[in-house]
N, C-alpha and C. Protein backbone atom coordinates (compact mmCIF):
# COMPACT_ATOMS: atom_id res chain seq x y z
N THR A 1 10.64 -0.36 -32.18
CA THR A 1 11.64 -1.01 -33.00
C THR A 1 12.58 0.06 -33.56
N PRO A 2 13.87 -0.12 -33.34
CA PRO A 2 14.84 0.85 -33.86
C PRO A 2 14.76 0.94 -35.38
N ARG A 3 14.80 2.16 -35.91
CA ARG A 3 14.67 2.36 -37.35
C ARG A 3 16.00 2.51 -38.06
N ASN A 4 17.05 2.87 -37.35
CA ASN A 4 18.34 3.05 -38.01
C ASN A 4 19.46 2.59 -37.06
N ASP A 5 20.70 2.68 -37.54
CA ASP A 5 21.84 2.21 -36.75
C ASP A 5 21.98 2.96 -35.43
N LYS A 6 21.75 4.27 -35.45
CA LYS A 6 21.88 5.07 -34.24
C LYS A 6 20.85 4.63 -33.20
N GLU A 7 19.61 4.43 -33.64
CA GLU A 7 18.57 3.98 -32.71
C GLU A 7 18.88 2.58 -32.19
N LYS A 8 19.44 1.71 -33.05
CA LYS A 8 19.84 0.37 -32.61
C LYS A 8 20.93 0.46 -31.55
N GLU A 9 21.86 1.35 -31.75
CA GLU A 9 22.96 1.55 -30.80
C GLU A 9 22.42 2.06 -29.45
N ILE A 10 21.51 3.01 -29.51
CA ILE A 10 20.91 3.55 -28.28
C ILE A 10 20.12 2.46 -27.56
N ALA A 11 19.34 1.70 -28.31
CA ALA A 11 18.54 0.63 -27.72
C ALA A 11 19.43 -0.41 -27.06
N ALA A 12 20.52 -0.79 -27.70
CA ALA A 12 21.44 -1.78 -27.14
C ALA A 12 22.10 -1.24 -25.87
N ALA A 13 22.52 0.02 -25.89
CA ALA A 13 23.15 0.63 -24.72
C ALA A 13 22.17 0.73 -23.56
N THR A 14 20.91 1.09 -23.86
CA THR A 14 19.88 1.20 -22.82
C THR A 14 19.61 -0.15 -22.19
N THR A 15 19.48 -1.17 -23.02
CA THR A 15 19.24 -2.52 -22.51
C THR A 15 20.41 -2.96 -21.64
N GLU A 16 21.63 -2.71 -22.12
CA GLU A 16 22.83 -3.08 -21.36
C GLU A 16 22.85 -2.32 -20.02
N ARG A 17 22.57 -1.04 -20.06
CA ARG A 17 22.56 -0.22 -18.84
C ARG A 17 21.47 -0.70 -17.89
N ASN A 18 20.30 -1.02 -18.43
CA ASN A 18 19.21 -1.52 -17.59
C ASN A 18 19.60 -2.82 -16.90
N GLU A 19 20.26 -3.72 -17.63
CA GLU A 19 20.68 -4.99 -17.04
C GLU A 19 21.77 -4.76 -15.99
N GLU A 20 22.65 -3.77 -16.23
CA GLU A 20 23.70 -3.46 -15.25
C GLU A 20 23.11 -2.93 -13.96
N THR A 21 22.11 -2.08 -14.06
CA THR A 21 21.52 -1.49 -12.85
C THR A 21 20.48 -2.41 -12.21
N LYS A 22 19.92 -3.32 -12.99
CA LYS A 22 18.88 -4.19 -12.46
C LYS A 22 19.40 -5.09 -11.34
N LYS A 23 20.59 -5.63 -11.50
CA LYS A 23 21.10 -6.58 -10.50
C LYS A 23 21.25 -5.94 -9.13
N PRO A 24 21.94 -4.79 -8.98
CA PRO A 24 22.04 -4.22 -7.63
C PRO A 24 20.69 -3.75 -7.08
N LEU A 25 19.82 -3.26 -7.96
CA LEU A 25 18.49 -2.85 -7.51
C LEU A 25 17.69 -4.07 -7.04
N ALA A 26 17.77 -5.15 -7.80
CA ALA A 26 17.07 -6.38 -7.41
C ALA A 26 17.59 -6.88 -6.07
N GLU A 27 18.90 -6.85 -5.89
CA GLU A 27 19.48 -7.28 -4.62
C GLU A 27 18.94 -6.44 -3.47
N PHE A 28 18.86 -5.14 -3.68
CA PHE A 28 18.34 -4.23 -2.65
C PHE A 28 16.87 -4.53 -2.34
N PHE A 29 16.02 -4.55 -3.37
CA PHE A 29 14.59 -4.72 -3.15
C PHE A 29 14.24 -6.12 -2.64
N GLU A 30 15.04 -7.12 -2.95
CA GLU A 30 14.75 -8.47 -2.51
C GLU A 30 15.35 -8.79 -1.14
N ASP A 31 16.18 -7.91 -0.61
CA ASP A 31 16.82 -8.15 0.69
C ASP A 31 15.85 -7.80 1.81
N GLU A 32 15.37 -8.82 2.50
CA GLU A 32 14.40 -8.63 3.58
C GLU A 32 15.00 -7.92 4.79
N THR A 33 16.32 -7.96 4.92
CA THR A 33 16.97 -7.36 6.10
C THR A 33 17.10 -5.84 5.97
N ILE A 34 16.89 -5.31 4.78
CA ILE A 34 16.95 -3.86 4.57
C ILE A 34 15.51 -3.34 4.57
N GLY A 35 15.18 -2.54 5.59
CA GLY A 35 13.84 -1.96 5.66
C GLY A 35 13.66 -0.89 4.61
N LYS A 36 12.51 -0.90 3.97
CA LYS A 36 12.22 0.07 2.92
C LYS A 36 10.96 0.84 3.27
N ILE A 37 11.00 2.14 3.02
CA ILE A 37 9.87 3.02 3.28
C ILE A 37 9.29 3.44 1.94
N PHE A 38 7.98 3.33 1.83
CA PHE A 38 7.30 3.66 0.58
C PHE A 38 6.12 4.58 0.82
N TYR A 39 5.71 5.21 -0.23
CA TYR A 39 4.36 5.72 -0.34
C TYR A 39 3.77 4.86 -1.44
N ASP A 40 2.85 3.99 -1.11
CA ASP A 40 2.20 3.06 -2.04
C ASP A 40 3.14 1.93 -2.45
N ALA A 41 3.45 1.08 -1.49
CA ALA A 41 4.31 -0.07 -1.75
C ALA A 41 3.68 -1.04 -2.75
N LYS A 42 2.36 -1.07 -2.80
CA LYS A 42 1.69 -1.97 -3.74
C LYS A 42 1.99 -1.58 -5.17
N ALA A 43 2.04 -0.28 -5.46
CA ALA A 43 2.39 0.18 -6.80
C ALA A 43 3.84 -0.23 -7.13
N ALA A 44 4.73 -0.07 -6.15
CA ALA A 44 6.12 -0.49 -6.35
C ALA A 44 6.18 -2.00 -6.57
N TRP A 45 5.37 -2.75 -5.83
CA TRP A 45 5.32 -4.21 -5.97
C TRP A 45 4.98 -4.58 -7.42
N HIS A 46 3.97 -3.90 -8.00
CA HIS A 46 3.57 -4.18 -9.38
C HIS A 46 4.70 -3.88 -10.36
N ILE A 47 5.34 -2.74 -10.19
CA ILE A 47 6.43 -2.33 -11.10
C ILE A 47 7.57 -3.34 -11.01
N LEU A 48 7.97 -3.69 -9.81
CA LEU A 48 9.09 -4.63 -9.63
C LEU A 48 8.74 -6.02 -10.14
N LYS A 49 7.51 -6.43 -9.96
CA LYS A 49 7.10 -7.76 -10.44
C LYS A 49 7.26 -7.86 -11.96
N LYS A 50 6.95 -6.78 -12.67
CA LYS A 50 7.12 -6.78 -14.13
C LYS A 50 8.58 -6.98 -14.52
N GLU A 51 9.49 -6.59 -13.62
CA GLU A 51 10.93 -6.75 -13.86
C GLU A 51 11.46 -8.04 -13.24
N CYS A 52 10.54 -8.91 -12.77
CA CYS A 52 10.90 -10.18 -12.11
C CYS A 52 11.74 -9.95 -10.85
N VAL A 53 11.39 -8.90 -10.12
CA VAL A 53 12.06 -8.58 -8.86
C VAL A 53 11.01 -8.64 -7.76
N ALA A 54 11.32 -9.38 -6.71
CA ALA A 54 10.40 -9.50 -5.58
C ALA A 54 10.66 -8.36 -4.59
N LEU A 55 9.60 -7.77 -4.10
CA LEU A 55 9.72 -6.71 -3.10
C LEU A 55 9.62 -7.35 -1.72
N ARG A 56 10.69 -7.22 -0.96
CA ARG A 56 10.73 -7.77 0.40
C ARG A 56 11.28 -6.71 1.34
N GLY A 57 10.89 -6.81 2.60
CA GLY A 57 11.44 -5.91 3.60
C GLY A 57 10.78 -4.54 3.64
N THR A 58 9.52 -4.46 3.22
CA THR A 58 8.82 -3.18 3.31
C THR A 58 8.52 -2.93 4.79
N SER A 59 9.13 -1.90 5.34
CA SER A 59 8.95 -1.63 6.76
C SER A 59 7.86 -0.59 7.02
N PHE A 60 7.58 0.26 6.05
CA PHE A 60 6.58 1.30 6.27
C PHE A 60 6.00 1.76 4.95
N ASP A 61 4.68 1.93 4.93
CA ASP A 61 4.00 2.49 3.77
C ASP A 61 3.19 3.69 4.25
N ALA A 62 3.62 4.88 3.84
CA ALA A 62 2.98 6.11 4.30
C ALA A 62 1.52 6.19 3.86
N MET A 63 1.20 5.66 2.69
CA MET A 63 -0.18 5.71 2.22
C MET A 63 -1.09 4.85 3.11
N VAL A 64 -0.64 3.65 3.46
CA VAL A 64 -1.42 2.77 4.32
C VAL A 64 -1.60 3.42 5.69
N ALA A 65 -0.51 3.98 6.24
CA ALA A 65 -0.59 4.63 7.55
C ALA A 65 -1.56 5.81 7.51
N ALA A 66 -1.48 6.62 6.47
CA ALA A 66 -2.38 7.78 6.35
C ALA A 66 -3.82 7.32 6.25
N TYR A 67 -4.05 6.26 5.51
CA TYR A 67 -5.41 5.74 5.38
C TYR A 67 -5.94 5.29 6.75
N LEU A 68 -5.11 4.59 7.52
CA LEU A 68 -5.55 4.16 8.84
C LEU A 68 -5.85 5.34 9.75
N LEU A 69 -5.00 6.34 9.69
CA LEU A 69 -5.16 7.50 10.56
C LEU A 69 -6.27 8.43 10.11
N GLN A 70 -6.52 8.48 8.80
CA GLN A 70 -7.46 9.47 8.26
C GLN A 70 -8.42 8.82 7.27
N ALA A 71 -9.00 7.70 7.65
CA ALA A 71 -9.89 6.98 6.73
C ALA A 71 -10.96 7.92 6.19
N GLY A 72 -11.17 7.85 4.91
CA GLY A 72 -12.19 8.68 4.28
C GLY A 72 -11.70 10.04 3.82
N THR A 73 -10.43 10.36 4.11
CA THR A 73 -9.89 11.63 3.64
C THR A 73 -8.90 11.38 2.52
N ARG A 74 -8.36 12.45 1.97
CA ARG A 74 -7.40 12.32 0.87
C ARG A 74 -6.07 11.81 1.40
N VAL A 75 -5.53 10.80 0.75
CA VAL A 75 -4.23 10.26 1.15
C VAL A 75 -3.20 10.34 0.02
N GLU A 76 -3.45 11.22 -0.97
CA GLU A 76 -2.48 11.41 -2.04
C GLU A 76 -1.21 12.00 -1.45
N PHE A 77 -0.06 11.62 -2.01
CA PHE A 77 1.24 12.00 -1.46
C PHE A 77 1.36 13.52 -1.29
N ASP A 78 1.09 14.28 -2.35
CA ASP A 78 1.24 15.73 -2.27
C ASP A 78 0.34 16.32 -1.18
N HIS A 79 -0.87 15.83 -1.07
CA HIS A 79 -1.79 16.33 -0.04
C HIS A 79 -1.24 16.03 1.36
N LEU A 80 -0.72 14.83 1.56
CA LEU A 80 -0.15 14.48 2.86
C LEU A 80 1.06 15.35 3.20
N VAL A 81 1.94 15.55 2.20
CA VAL A 81 3.13 16.37 2.43
C VAL A 81 2.74 17.80 2.79
N ILE A 82 1.80 18.37 2.05
CA ILE A 82 1.36 19.75 2.33
C ILE A 82 0.74 19.82 3.72
N SER A 83 -0.09 18.84 4.10
CA SER A 83 -0.74 18.89 5.40
C SER A 83 0.26 18.72 6.55
N GLU A 84 1.37 18.02 6.31
CA GLU A 84 2.37 17.81 7.37
C GLU A 84 3.45 18.89 7.37
N PHE A 85 3.88 19.35 6.18
CA PHE A 85 5.06 20.22 6.09
C PHE A 85 4.81 21.53 5.34
N GLY A 86 3.62 21.73 4.80
CA GLY A 86 3.35 22.92 4.01
C GLY A 86 3.85 22.76 2.59
N GLU A 87 3.62 23.79 1.77
CA GLU A 87 3.99 23.76 0.34
C GLU A 87 5.48 23.49 0.13
N GLU A 88 6.34 24.01 1.01
CA GLU A 88 7.79 23.85 0.81
C GLU A 88 8.21 22.37 0.90
N GLY A 89 7.40 21.54 1.54
CA GLY A 89 7.71 20.12 1.61
C GLY A 89 7.72 19.45 0.25
N LEU A 90 6.96 20.00 -0.69
CA LEU A 90 6.89 19.41 -2.03
C LEU A 90 8.21 19.55 -2.79
N GLU A 91 9.04 20.50 -2.39
CA GLU A 91 10.32 20.70 -3.08
C GLU A 91 11.32 19.59 -2.74
N ARG A 92 11.12 18.93 -1.62
CA ARG A 92 12.05 17.88 -1.18
C ARG A 92 11.25 16.61 -0.90
N LYS A 93 10.78 15.96 -1.96
CA LYS A 93 9.87 14.83 -1.79
C LYS A 93 10.51 13.65 -1.07
N ALA A 94 11.77 13.34 -1.34
CA ALA A 94 12.41 12.21 -0.67
C ALA A 94 12.48 12.47 0.84
N GLU A 95 12.92 13.66 1.21
CA GLU A 95 12.97 14.02 2.63
C GLU A 95 11.57 14.02 3.22
N SER A 96 10.60 14.48 2.44
CA SER A 96 9.23 14.53 2.92
C SER A 96 8.69 13.13 3.17
N LEU A 97 9.06 12.16 2.33
CA LEU A 97 8.60 10.79 2.54
C LEU A 97 9.13 10.26 3.87
N LEU A 98 10.41 10.50 4.15
CA LEU A 98 10.97 10.07 5.44
C LEU A 98 10.30 10.79 6.60
N GLY A 99 10.07 12.07 6.44
CA GLY A 99 9.38 12.83 7.47
C GLY A 99 7.96 12.34 7.69
N LEU A 100 7.27 12.07 6.58
CA LEU A 100 5.91 11.53 6.68
C LEU A 100 5.92 10.20 7.42
N ALA A 101 6.86 9.33 7.05
CA ALA A 101 6.95 8.02 7.70
C ALA A 101 7.15 8.21 9.21
N ASN A 102 8.04 9.10 9.59
CA ASN A 102 8.27 9.35 11.02
C ASN A 102 7.03 9.91 11.70
N ASN A 103 6.42 10.94 11.10
CA ASN A 103 5.24 11.57 11.70
C ASN A 103 4.07 10.60 11.81
N LEU A 104 3.79 9.87 10.74
CA LEU A 104 2.65 8.95 10.76
C LEU A 104 2.91 7.79 11.71
N SER A 105 4.15 7.32 11.74
CA SER A 105 4.50 6.24 12.65
C SER A 105 4.32 6.68 14.10
N GLU A 106 4.74 7.91 14.41
CA GLU A 106 4.56 8.45 15.76
C GLU A 106 3.08 8.57 16.10
N LYS A 107 2.27 9.01 15.15
CA LYS A 107 0.84 9.15 15.40
C LYS A 107 0.20 7.79 15.66
N ILE A 108 0.60 6.78 14.89
CA ILE A 108 0.08 5.43 15.12
C ILE A 108 0.48 4.95 16.51
N SER A 109 1.73 5.20 16.90
CA SER A 109 2.19 4.80 18.24
C SER A 109 1.41 5.52 19.33
N GLU A 110 1.20 6.83 19.14
CA GLU A 110 0.44 7.60 20.14
C GLU A 110 -0.98 7.08 20.28
N ILE A 111 -1.62 6.82 19.15
CA ILE A 111 -2.99 6.32 19.20
C ILE A 111 -3.02 4.94 19.84
N SER A 112 -2.03 4.11 19.53
CA SER A 112 -1.96 2.78 20.14
C SER A 112 -1.83 2.88 21.65
N LYS A 113 -0.99 3.81 22.13
CA LYS A 113 -0.84 4.00 23.58
C LYS A 113 -2.14 4.49 24.19
N GLU A 114 -2.81 5.44 23.52
CA GLU A 114 -4.09 5.95 24.01
C GLU A 114 -5.12 4.83 24.06
N GLN A 115 -5.14 3.99 23.04
CA GLN A 115 -6.09 2.88 23.01
C GLN A 115 -5.81 1.93 24.18
N ASN A 116 -4.55 1.69 24.47
CA ASN A 116 -4.21 0.82 25.58
C ASN A 116 -4.71 1.38 26.91
N LEU A 117 -4.69 2.70 27.06
CA LEU A 117 -5.15 3.32 28.30
C LEU A 117 -6.67 3.31 28.40
N VAL A 118 -7.35 3.54 27.30
CA VAL A 118 -8.80 3.67 27.31
C VAL A 118 -9.51 2.32 27.39
N ALA A 119 -9.12 1.39 26.57
CA ALA A 119 -9.81 0.09 26.49
C ALA A 119 -8.81 -1.02 26.76
N GLN A 120 -8.31 -1.06 27.96
CA GLN A 120 -7.20 -1.94 28.32
C GLN A 120 -7.32 -3.37 27.79
N PRO A 121 -8.37 -4.13 28.12
CA PRO A 121 -8.35 -5.54 27.72
C PRO A 121 -8.37 -5.76 26.22
N LEU A 122 -9.21 -5.02 25.51
CA LEU A 122 -9.31 -5.19 24.06
C LEU A 122 -8.08 -4.68 23.36
N SER A 123 -7.64 -3.48 23.71
CA SER A 123 -6.58 -2.85 22.95
C SER A 123 -5.21 -3.46 23.21
N GLU A 124 -5.04 -4.17 24.32
CA GLU A 124 -3.76 -4.85 24.50
C GLU A 124 -3.59 -5.92 23.43
N GLU A 125 -4.71 -6.51 23.03
CA GLU A 125 -4.64 -7.51 21.97
C GLU A 125 -4.53 -6.85 20.60
N TRP A 126 -5.40 -5.85 20.35
CA TRP A 126 -5.41 -5.19 19.05
C TRP A 126 -5.46 -3.69 19.21
N ASN A 127 -4.45 -3.01 18.71
CA ASN A 127 -4.46 -1.56 18.68
C ASN A 127 -4.03 -1.15 17.28
N MET A 128 -4.00 0.13 17.04
CA MET A 128 -3.70 0.60 15.70
C MET A 128 -2.30 0.17 15.24
N GLY A 129 -1.35 0.17 16.15
CA GLY A 129 0.02 -0.25 15.80
C GLY A 129 0.06 -1.68 15.31
N ARG A 130 -0.63 -2.56 16.01
CA ARG A 130 -0.68 -3.97 15.59
C ARG A 130 -1.48 -4.12 14.30
N LEU A 131 -2.58 -3.39 14.20
CA LEU A 131 -3.38 -3.44 12.98
C LEU A 131 -2.52 -3.06 11.78
N PHE A 132 -1.73 -1.99 11.93
CA PHE A 132 -0.86 -1.54 10.85
C PHE A 132 0.21 -2.59 10.53
N SER A 133 0.93 -3.04 11.55
CA SER A 133 2.09 -3.91 11.30
C SER A 133 1.75 -5.37 11.03
N GLU A 134 0.65 -5.85 11.62
CA GLU A 134 0.34 -7.28 11.49
C GLU A 134 -0.77 -7.61 10.51
N ILE A 135 -1.55 -6.61 10.13
CA ILE A 135 -2.63 -6.84 9.16
C ILE A 135 -2.38 -6.07 7.87
N GLU A 136 -2.33 -4.75 7.97
CA GLU A 136 -2.26 -3.91 6.77
C GLU A 136 -0.97 -4.11 5.98
N MET A 137 0.17 -4.05 6.63
CA MET A 137 1.44 -4.18 5.89
C MET A 137 1.59 -5.56 5.23
N PRO A 138 1.28 -6.67 5.93
CA PRO A 138 1.39 -7.97 5.25
C PRO A 138 0.39 -8.15 4.11
N LEU A 139 -0.69 -7.36 4.10
CA LEU A 139 -1.68 -7.47 3.03
C LEU A 139 -1.20 -6.88 1.70
N ILE A 140 -0.17 -6.06 1.73
CA ILE A 140 0.28 -5.38 0.50
C ILE A 140 0.58 -6.37 -0.63
N PRO A 141 1.43 -7.37 -0.43
CA PRO A 141 1.68 -8.30 -1.55
C PRO A 141 0.47 -9.17 -1.89
N ILE A 142 -0.35 -9.48 -0.89
CA ILE A 142 -1.54 -10.29 -1.15
C ILE A 142 -2.51 -9.52 -2.05
N LEU A 143 -2.74 -8.26 -1.72
CA LEU A 143 -3.63 -7.43 -2.56
C LEU A 143 -3.02 -7.22 -3.94
N GLY A 144 -1.70 -7.09 -4.00
CA GLY A 144 -1.03 -6.98 -5.30
C GLY A 144 -1.28 -8.21 -6.16
N GLU A 145 -1.14 -9.39 -5.56
CA GLU A 145 -1.41 -10.65 -6.28
C GLU A 145 -2.86 -10.72 -6.73
N MET A 146 -3.77 -10.30 -5.84
CA MET A 146 -5.19 -10.32 -6.21
C MET A 146 -5.47 -9.39 -7.39
N GLU A 147 -4.86 -8.21 -7.38
CA GLU A 147 -5.03 -7.29 -8.50
C GLU A 147 -4.45 -7.87 -9.77
N GLU A 148 -3.32 -8.53 -9.64
CA GLU A 148 -2.63 -9.11 -10.79
C GLU A 148 -3.42 -10.28 -11.38
N ASN A 149 -3.92 -11.16 -10.51
CA ASN A 149 -4.53 -12.42 -10.96
C ASN A 149 -6.05 -12.42 -10.94
N GLY A 150 -6.64 -11.48 -10.23
CA GLY A 150 -8.08 -11.49 -10.06
C GLY A 150 -8.45 -12.48 -8.96
N ILE A 151 -9.74 -12.57 -8.69
CA ILE A 151 -10.21 -13.52 -7.69
C ILE A 151 -11.35 -14.34 -8.29
N ARG A 152 -11.55 -15.52 -7.77
CA ARG A 152 -12.61 -16.38 -8.25
C ARG A 152 -13.84 -16.18 -7.37
N LEU A 153 -14.97 -15.97 -7.99
CA LEU A 153 -16.22 -15.79 -7.26
C LEU A 153 -17.13 -16.97 -7.49
N ASP A 154 -17.83 -17.38 -6.47
CA ASP A 154 -18.85 -18.41 -6.57
C ASP A 154 -20.15 -17.71 -6.95
N VAL A 155 -20.43 -17.65 -8.25
CA VAL A 155 -21.57 -16.89 -8.76
C VAL A 155 -22.88 -17.42 -8.18
N ALA A 156 -23.01 -18.74 -8.08
CA ALA A 156 -24.24 -19.31 -7.54
C ALA A 156 -24.46 -18.89 -6.08
N ALA A 157 -23.40 -18.89 -5.30
CA ALA A 157 -23.52 -18.48 -3.90
C ALA A 157 -23.90 -17.01 -3.79
N PHE A 158 -23.31 -16.17 -4.65
CA PHE A 158 -23.67 -14.75 -4.63
C PHE A 158 -25.10 -14.53 -5.10
N LYS A 159 -25.56 -15.30 -6.05
CA LYS A 159 -26.96 -15.19 -6.52
C LYS A 159 -27.90 -15.57 -5.39
N LYS A 160 -27.58 -16.67 -4.68
CA LYS A 160 -28.41 -17.10 -3.55
C LYS A 160 -28.44 -16.02 -2.46
N LEU A 161 -27.28 -15.47 -2.14
CA LEU A 161 -27.19 -14.42 -1.13
C LEU A 161 -27.99 -13.19 -1.56
N SER A 162 -27.90 -12.84 -2.83
CA SER A 162 -28.64 -11.70 -3.36
C SER A 162 -30.14 -11.93 -3.23
N ASP A 163 -30.59 -13.13 -3.57
CA ASP A 163 -32.02 -13.46 -3.45
C ASP A 163 -32.48 -13.38 -1.99
N GLU A 164 -31.67 -13.93 -1.07
CA GLU A 164 -32.02 -13.91 0.35
C GLU A 164 -32.08 -12.48 0.88
N LEU A 165 -31.09 -11.67 0.53
CA LEU A 165 -31.08 -10.28 0.98
C LEU A 165 -32.23 -9.50 0.37
N GLY A 166 -32.52 -9.77 -0.88
CA GLY A 166 -33.65 -9.11 -1.54
C GLY A 166 -34.96 -9.43 -0.84
N ALA A 167 -35.15 -10.70 -0.47
CA ALA A 167 -36.36 -11.10 0.24
C ALA A 167 -36.42 -10.41 1.61
N GLU A 168 -35.29 -10.35 2.29
CA GLU A 168 -35.23 -9.70 3.60
C GLU A 168 -35.55 -8.21 3.49
N ILE A 169 -35.04 -7.55 2.46
CA ILE A 169 -35.31 -6.12 2.24
C ILE A 169 -36.80 -5.91 1.98
N ARG A 170 -37.40 -6.77 1.16
CA ARG A 170 -38.84 -6.63 0.87
C ARG A 170 -39.66 -6.80 2.15
N THR A 171 -39.28 -7.75 3.02
CA THR A 171 -39.98 -7.95 4.29
C THR A 171 -39.87 -6.71 5.17
N ILE A 172 -38.67 -6.14 5.25
CA ILE A 172 -38.46 -4.92 6.05
C ILE A 172 -39.25 -3.75 5.48
N GLU A 173 -39.27 -3.63 4.13
CA GLU A 173 -40.03 -2.55 3.50
C GLU A 173 -41.52 -2.66 3.81
N LYS A 174 -42.05 -3.90 3.83
CA LYS A 174 -43.48 -4.10 4.14
C LYS A 174 -43.77 -3.67 5.57
N LYS A 175 -42.85 -3.97 6.51
CA LYS A 175 -43.04 -3.58 7.90
C LYS A 175 -43.02 -2.07 8.05
N ILE A 176 -42.16 -1.41 7.26
CA ILE A 176 -42.04 0.05 7.34
C ILE A 176 -43.30 0.72 6.81
N TYR A 177 -43.82 0.21 5.68
CA TYR A 177 -44.97 0.86 5.06
C TYR A 177 -46.19 0.16 5.52
């Protein structure tokens, strides 16, 4: 809360400036025809949702791609930039994001081609490229909504499943010992 006239003036100017910049930014982020490259599009989705702006047209998420390519390893932005471009890449983060997107996209394409050669029938249907573009990328807003709203669990069904698994584990333990 502004405490004096100067703070009130600054607050009013900031609000006015935010509203002035919000419209063109909202138009950009909501335009599905403009492809957008992110590192962690889900985080951007949350931020934009708070501003009542829908995120559409996400064409690439470097974090999702890195996770697919290097599951179980570090996928933090700085770590990815250093591993792809060295320490100097950190000085130009915007350029590094574009470079990461290109490099990771190429790696996904290469692996998809290799999968097609190795396991022809299966991989023609599903390869890493399709997994990335048709499963992982469309999941970003769904997972964002789930994080925002939570999910409903059938507690009774989970209790029943827990009891059944517990009984099965005890049976297996008896066979082992």
